[in-house]
């Protein structure tokens, strides 16, 4: 199960997010374990969001990750630009759509900090 928790302040501003765990969606086919396409999709969305925030929008982030455990922690170190908020909203929307289809494999949460 992958859990993504978004942290927002009392005004609804993003402060960071944590992505943890492996989706566990891989299936056996023809006697072989197939790649976990859901985990790959979540990873691609997450990497794209972090890269977009830092490389395109120029945001200051602190990112900690551990590929083995499927852990990524992103702390937003600055006031976000409007374009960055849109990028994060898009990331949330995509994850929420996946979680509707794969509710046993992905959970999206929000926490006020």
N, C-alpha and C. Protein backbone atom coordinates (compact mmCIF):
# COMPACT_ATOMS: atom_id res chain seq x y z
N UNK A 1 0.85 -1.18 0.00
CA UNK A 1 0.00 0.00 0.00
C UNK A 1 0.89 1.23 0.00
N UNK A 2 0.61 2.15 -0.90
CA UNK A 2 1.29 3.44 -0.92
C UNK A 2 0.36 4.46 -0.28
N UNK A 3 0.93 5.27 0.60
CA UNK A 3 0.19 6.34 1.24
C UNK A 3 0.91 7.65 0.93
N UNK A 4 0.14 8.61 0.42
CA UNK A 4 0.69 9.94 0.17
C UNK A 4 -0.08 10.91 1.06
N UNK A 5 0.66 11.62 1.90
CA UNK A 5 0.06 12.57 2.83
C UNK A 5 0.56 13.97 2.50
N UNK A 6 -0.38 14.85 2.21
CA UNK A 6 -0.07 16.24 1.90
C UNK A 6 -0.28 17.07 3.15
N UNK A 7 0.68 17.94 3.41
CA UNK A 7 0.60 18.83 4.57
C UNK A 7 0.29 20.24 4.10
N UNK A 8 -0.73 20.83 4.73
CA UNK A 8 -1.12 22.21 4.43
C UNK A 8 -1.26 22.98 5.73
N UNK A 9 -1.02 24.28 5.65
CA UNK A 9 -1.23 25.10 6.85
C UNK A 9 -2.70 25.48 6.98
N UNK A 10 -3.01 26.28 7.99
CA UNK A 10 -4.41 26.64 8.26
C UNK A 10 -5.04 27.49 7.15
N UNK A 11 -4.20 28.01 6.26
CA UNK A 11 -4.70 28.82 5.13
C UNK A 11 -4.79 28.01 3.84
N UNK A 12 -4.48 26.72 3.92
CA UNK A 12 -4.56 25.86 2.74
C UNK A 12 -3.31 25.87 1.88
N UNK A 13 -2.21 26.45 2.39
CA UNK A 13 -0.96 26.49 1.64
C UNK A 13 -0.19 25.18 1.82
N UNK A 14 0.31 24.64 0.72
CA UNK A 14 1.11 23.42 0.80
C UNK A 14 2.39 23.68 1.58
N UNK A 15 2.72 22.75 2.47
CA UNK A 15 3.96 22.82 3.25
C UNK A 15 4.88 21.64 2.95
N UNK A 16 4.31 20.59 2.34
CA UNK A 16 5.12 19.43 1.99
C UNK A 16 4.24 18.22 1.77
N UNK A 17 4.89 17.10 1.47
CA UNK A 17 4.17 15.84 1.34
C UNK A 17 5.12 14.68 1.59
N UNK A 18 4.52 13.57 1.98
CA UNK A 18 5.26 12.34 2.21
C UNK A 18 4.60 11.23 1.42
N UNK A 19 5.41 10.47 0.72
CA UNK A 19 4.95 9.32 -0.05
C UNK A 19 5.67 8.11 0.54
N UNK A 20 4.90 7.09 0.95
CA UNK A 20 5.52 5.95 1.62
C UNK A 20 4.87 4.64 1.20
N UNK A 21 5.72 3.65 0.97
CA UNK A 21 5.26 2.29 0.71
C UNK A 21 5.21 1.95 -0.76
N UNK A 22 5.08 0.67 -1.01
CA UNK A 22 4.95 0.16 -2.36
C UNK A 22 3.50 -0.23 -2.60
N UNK A 23 3.01 0.05 -3.79
CA UNK A 23 1.59 -0.15 -4.10
C UNK A 23 1.18 -1.62 -3.99
N UNK A 24 2.07 -2.54 -4.32
CA UNK A 24 1.73 -3.96 -4.22
C UNK A 24 0.72 -4.39 -5.27
N UNK A 25 0.77 -3.78 -6.45
CA UNK A 25 -0.19 -4.10 -7.49
C UNK A 25 0.36 -5.10 -8.51
N UNK A 26 1.64 -5.41 -8.44
CA UNK A 26 2.25 -6.33 -9.41
C UNK A 26 1.53 -7.67 -9.39
N UNK A 27 1.41 -8.26 -10.56
CA UNK A 27 0.72 -9.54 -10.69
C UNK A 27 1.65 -10.57 -11.28
N UNK A 28 1.35 -11.82 -10.99
CA UNK A 28 2.08 -12.92 -11.60
C UNK A 28 1.40 -13.27 -12.91
N UNK A 29 2.21 -13.44 -13.93
CA UNK A 29 1.69 -13.79 -15.23
C UNK A 29 2.68 -14.73 -15.90
N UNK A 30 2.20 -15.83 -16.38
CA UNK A 30 3.05 -16.83 -17.02
C UNK A 30 4.18 -17.27 -16.10
N UNK A 31 3.86 -17.35 -14.80
CA UNK A 31 4.84 -17.82 -13.82
C UNK A 31 5.88 -16.79 -13.42
N UNK A 32 5.78 -15.58 -13.93
CA UNK A 32 6.75 -14.53 -13.59
C UNK A 32 6.04 -13.34 -12.96
N UNK A 33 6.73 -12.71 -12.05
CA UNK A 33 6.20 -11.49 -11.43
C UNK A 33 6.34 -10.34 -12.42
N UNK A 34 5.24 -9.69 -12.72
CA UNK A 34 5.24 -8.55 -13.63
C UNK A 34 5.60 -7.27 -12.88
N UNK A 35 6.07 -6.26 -13.59
CA UNK A 35 6.37 -4.98 -12.92
C UNK A 35 5.10 -4.38 -12.31
N UNK A 36 5.29 -3.64 -11.26
CA UNK A 36 4.17 -2.98 -10.59
C UNK A 36 3.91 -1.66 -11.30
N UNK A 37 2.94 -1.68 -12.23
CA UNK A 37 2.69 -0.48 -13.03
C UNK A 37 2.09 0.66 -12.22
N UNK A 38 1.35 0.35 -11.16
CA UNK A 38 0.80 1.40 -10.32
C UNK A 38 1.91 2.10 -9.55
N UNK A 39 2.81 1.32 -8.99
CA UNK A 39 3.94 1.90 -8.25
C UNK A 39 4.79 2.76 -9.19
N UNK A 40 4.99 2.28 -10.42
CA UNK A 40 5.75 3.04 -11.41
C UNK A 40 5.05 4.36 -11.74
N UNK A 41 3.73 4.32 -11.87
CA UNK A 41 2.98 5.54 -12.18
C UNK A 41 3.07 6.55 -11.04
N UNK A 42 2.94 6.08 -9.81
CA UNK A 42 3.04 6.96 -8.65
C UNK A 42 4.44 7.57 -8.58
N UNK A 43 5.45 6.75 -8.80
CA UNK A 43 6.84 7.22 -8.77
C UNK A 43 7.09 8.26 -9.85
N UNK A 44 6.57 8.02 -11.05
CA UNK A 44 6.75 8.97 -12.15
C UNK A 44 6.07 10.30 -11.84
N UNK A 45 4.84 10.25 -11.33
CA UNK A 45 4.14 11.49 -10.96
C UNK A 45 4.90 12.25 -9.88
N UNK A 46 5.40 11.52 -8.90
CA UNK A 46 6.12 12.14 -7.78
C UNK A 46 7.41 12.78 -8.26
N UNK A 47 8.19 12.05 -9.05
CA UNK A 47 9.46 12.58 -9.57
C UNK A 47 9.20 13.79 -10.46
N UNK A 48 8.18 13.71 -11.30
CA UNK A 48 7.84 14.82 -12.18
C UNK A 48 7.46 16.06 -11.38
N UNK A 49 6.72 15.87 -10.31
CA UNK A 49 6.30 17.00 -9.48
C UNK A 49 7.49 17.64 -8.78
N UNK A 50 8.34 16.82 -8.17
CA UNK A 50 9.52 17.35 -7.48
C UNK A 50 10.45 18.05 -8.47
N UNK A 51 10.70 17.43 -9.62
CA UNK A 51 11.57 18.04 -10.62
C UNK A 51 10.97 19.33 -11.17
N UNK A 52 9.66 19.34 -11.41
CA UNK A 52 9.00 20.55 -11.89
C UNK A 52 9.10 21.68 -10.89
N UNK A 53 8.90 21.35 -9.63
CA UNK A 53 8.98 22.37 -8.59
C UNK A 53 10.38 22.96 -8.48
N UNK A 54 11.40 22.12 -8.56
CA UNK A 54 12.77 22.62 -8.38
C UNK A 54 13.37 23.18 -9.66
N UNK A 55 13.29 22.41 -10.74
CA UNK A 55 13.99 22.77 -11.97
C UNK A 55 13.25 23.80 -12.82
N UNK A 56 11.95 23.74 -12.85
CA UNK A 56 11.18 24.66 -13.69
C UNK A 56 10.71 25.87 -12.89
N UNK A 57 10.10 25.62 -11.74
CA UNK A 57 9.55 26.73 -10.94
C UNK A 57 10.60 27.39 -10.04
N UNK A 58 11.72 26.69 -9.79
CA UNK A 58 12.78 27.27 -8.96
C UNK A 58 12.46 27.31 -7.48
N UNK A 59 11.60 26.42 -7.04
CA UNK A 59 11.23 26.38 -5.61
C UNK A 59 12.36 25.76 -4.78
N UNK A 60 12.41 26.15 -3.52
CA UNK A 60 13.38 25.61 -2.58
C UNK A 60 12.72 24.46 -1.81
N UNK A 61 13.23 23.26 -1.99
CA UNK A 61 12.67 22.06 -1.34
C UNK A 61 13.78 21.31 -0.61
N UNK A 62 13.39 20.58 0.42
CA UNK A 62 14.26 19.61 1.04
C UNK A 62 13.62 18.26 0.79
N UNK A 63 14.35 17.40 0.07
CA UNK A 63 13.81 16.09 -0.31
C UNK A 63 14.67 15.00 0.30
N UNK A 64 14.02 14.07 0.97
CA UNK A 64 14.66 12.90 1.55
C UNK A 64 13.97 11.68 0.96
N UNK A 65 14.76 10.68 0.55
CA UNK A 65 14.12 9.50 -0.04
C UNK A 65 14.90 8.22 0.27
N UNK A 66 14.15 7.11 0.20
CA UNK A 66 14.71 5.78 0.35
C UNK A 66 13.95 4.88 -0.62
N UNK A 67 14.59 4.51 -1.72
CA UNK A 67 13.93 3.74 -2.76
C UNK A 67 13.48 2.36 -2.28
N UNK A 68 14.25 1.75 -1.40
CA UNK A 68 13.90 0.41 -0.91
C UNK A 68 12.55 0.38 -0.22
N UNK A 69 12.29 1.38 0.60
CA UNK A 69 11.03 1.40 1.36
C UNK A 69 9.94 2.19 0.64
N UNK A 70 10.29 2.83 -0.47
CA UNK A 70 9.31 3.64 -1.19
C UNK A 70 8.99 4.92 -0.45
N UNK A 71 9.98 5.45 0.27
CA UNK A 71 9.78 6.65 1.08
C UNK A 71 10.31 7.88 0.35
N UNK A 72 9.51 8.94 0.30
CA UNK A 72 9.98 10.24 -0.17
C UNK A 72 9.30 11.30 0.66
N UNK A 73 10.09 12.18 1.21
CA UNK A 73 9.59 13.30 2.01
C UNK A 73 10.02 14.58 1.33
N UNK A 74 9.08 15.45 1.04
CA UNK A 74 9.35 16.72 0.39
C UNK A 74 8.85 17.83 1.30
N UNK A 75 9.76 18.68 1.76
CA UNK A 75 9.41 19.82 2.59
C UNK A 75 9.60 21.08 1.74
N UNK A 76 8.60 21.90 1.70
CA UNK A 76 8.64 23.14 0.93
C UNK A 76 9.24 24.23 1.82
N UNK A 77 10.40 24.74 1.40
CA UNK A 77 11.15 25.68 2.22
C UNK A 77 10.86 27.14 1.92
N UNK A 78 9.94 27.41 1.01
CA UNK A 78 9.66 28.79 0.63
C UNK A 78 8.17 28.96 0.37
N UNK A 79 7.76 30.22 0.22
CA UNK A 79 6.38 30.51 -0.17
C UNK A 79 6.24 30.11 -1.64
N UNK A 80 5.26 29.27 -1.96
CA UNK A 80 5.11 28.77 -3.32
C UNK A 80 4.58 29.82 -4.28
N UNK A 81 5.11 29.77 -5.50
CA UNK A 81 4.57 30.58 -6.59
C UNK A 81 3.24 29.97 -7.01
N UNK A 82 2.41 30.77 -7.68
CA UNK A 82 1.10 30.29 -8.13
C UNK A 82 1.24 29.09 -9.06
N UNK A 83 2.23 29.11 -9.94
CA UNK A 83 2.43 27.99 -10.87
C UNK A 83 2.78 26.70 -10.12
N UNK A 84 3.47 26.82 -9.01
CA UNK A 84 3.82 25.65 -8.21
C UNK A 84 2.60 25.07 -7.52
N UNK A 85 1.70 25.93 -7.08
CA UNK A 85 0.46 25.46 -6.47
C UNK A 85 -0.35 24.66 -7.49
N UNK A 86 -0.37 25.14 -8.73
CA UNK A 86 -1.09 24.43 -9.79
C UNK A 86 -0.45 23.07 -10.04
N UNK A 87 0.86 23.03 -10.05
CA UNK A 87 1.57 21.75 -10.24
C UNK A 87 1.23 20.77 -9.12
N UNK A 88 1.21 21.23 -7.89
CA UNK A 88 0.86 20.36 -6.77
C UNK A 88 -0.61 19.95 -6.81
N UNK A 89 -1.49 20.88 -7.19
CA UNK A 89 -2.91 20.52 -7.33
C UNK A 89 -3.09 19.43 -8.39
N UNK A 90 -2.34 19.51 -9.46
CA UNK A 90 -2.41 18.51 -10.53
C UNK A 90 -1.91 17.15 -10.03
N UNK A 91 -0.84 17.16 -9.25
CA UNK A 91 -0.30 15.94 -8.64
C UNK A 91 -1.35 15.29 -7.74
N UNK A 92 -1.98 16.10 -6.90
CA UNK A 92 -3.03 15.61 -6.00
C UNK A 92 -4.17 15.01 -6.80
N UNK A 93 -4.63 15.72 -7.81
CA UNK A 93 -5.74 15.26 -8.63
C UNK A 93 -5.43 13.91 -9.28
N UNK A 94 -4.25 13.78 -9.83
CA UNK A 94 -3.85 12.51 -10.47
C UNK A 94 -3.83 11.37 -9.46
N UNK A 95 -3.24 11.61 -8.29
CA UNK A 95 -3.19 10.57 -7.26
C UNK A 95 -4.59 10.20 -6.78
N UNK A 96 -5.45 11.19 -6.62
CA UNK A 96 -6.82 10.90 -6.17
C UNK A 96 -7.57 10.06 -7.21
N UNK A 97 -7.35 10.32 -8.48
CA UNK A 97 -7.99 9.52 -9.53
C UNK A 97 -7.48 8.08 -9.48
N UNK A 98 -6.17 7.89 -9.31
CA UNK A 98 -5.62 6.54 -9.17
C UNK A 98 -6.20 5.85 -7.95
N UNK A 99 -6.34 6.60 -6.86
CA UNK A 99 -6.81 5.98 -5.61
C UNK A 99 -8.27 5.55 -5.71
N UNK A 100 -9.05 6.19 -6.58
CA UNK A 100 -10.43 5.74 -6.81
C UNK A 100 -10.44 4.36 -7.46
N UNK A 101 -9.53 4.14 -8.38
CA UNK A 101 -9.46 2.87 -9.10
C UNK A 101 -8.74 1.79 -8.30
N UNK A 102 -7.77 2.20 -7.52
CA UNK A 102 -6.92 1.24 -6.81
C UNK A 102 -6.91 1.53 -5.31
N UNK A 103 -8.08 1.56 -4.71
CA UNK A 103 -8.21 1.95 -3.31
C UNK A 103 -7.51 1.00 -2.33
N UNK A 104 -7.26 -0.23 -2.76
CA UNK A 104 -6.55 -1.17 -1.90
C UNK A 104 -5.04 -0.98 -1.98
N UNK A 105 -4.59 -0.15 -2.94
CA UNK A 105 -3.16 0.00 -3.18
C UNK A 105 -2.64 1.42 -2.98
N UNK A 106 -3.54 2.40 -2.91
CA UNK A 106 -3.12 3.80 -2.80
C UNK A 106 -4.12 4.59 -1.97
N UNK A 107 -3.59 5.33 -1.02
CA UNK A 107 -4.38 6.22 -0.17
C UNK A 107 -3.78 7.61 -0.22
N UNK A 108 -4.64 8.60 -0.35
CA UNK A 108 -4.21 10.01 -0.36
C UNK A 108 -4.85 10.69 0.86
N UNK A 109 -4.00 11.32 1.68
CA UNK A 109 -4.45 11.97 2.91
C UNK A 109 -4.00 13.43 2.93
N UNK A 110 -4.67 14.22 3.77
CA UNK A 110 -4.28 15.60 4.01
C UNK A 110 -4.16 15.81 5.51
N UNK A 111 -3.17 16.62 5.88
CA UNK A 111 -2.93 16.89 7.30
C UNK A 111 -2.65 18.37 7.46
N UNK A 112 -3.28 18.99 8.44
CA UNK A 112 -2.99 20.39 8.73
C UNK A 112 -1.79 20.48 9.66
N UNK A 113 -0.84 21.33 9.29
CA UNK A 113 0.38 21.49 10.11
C UNK A 113 0.53 22.93 10.55
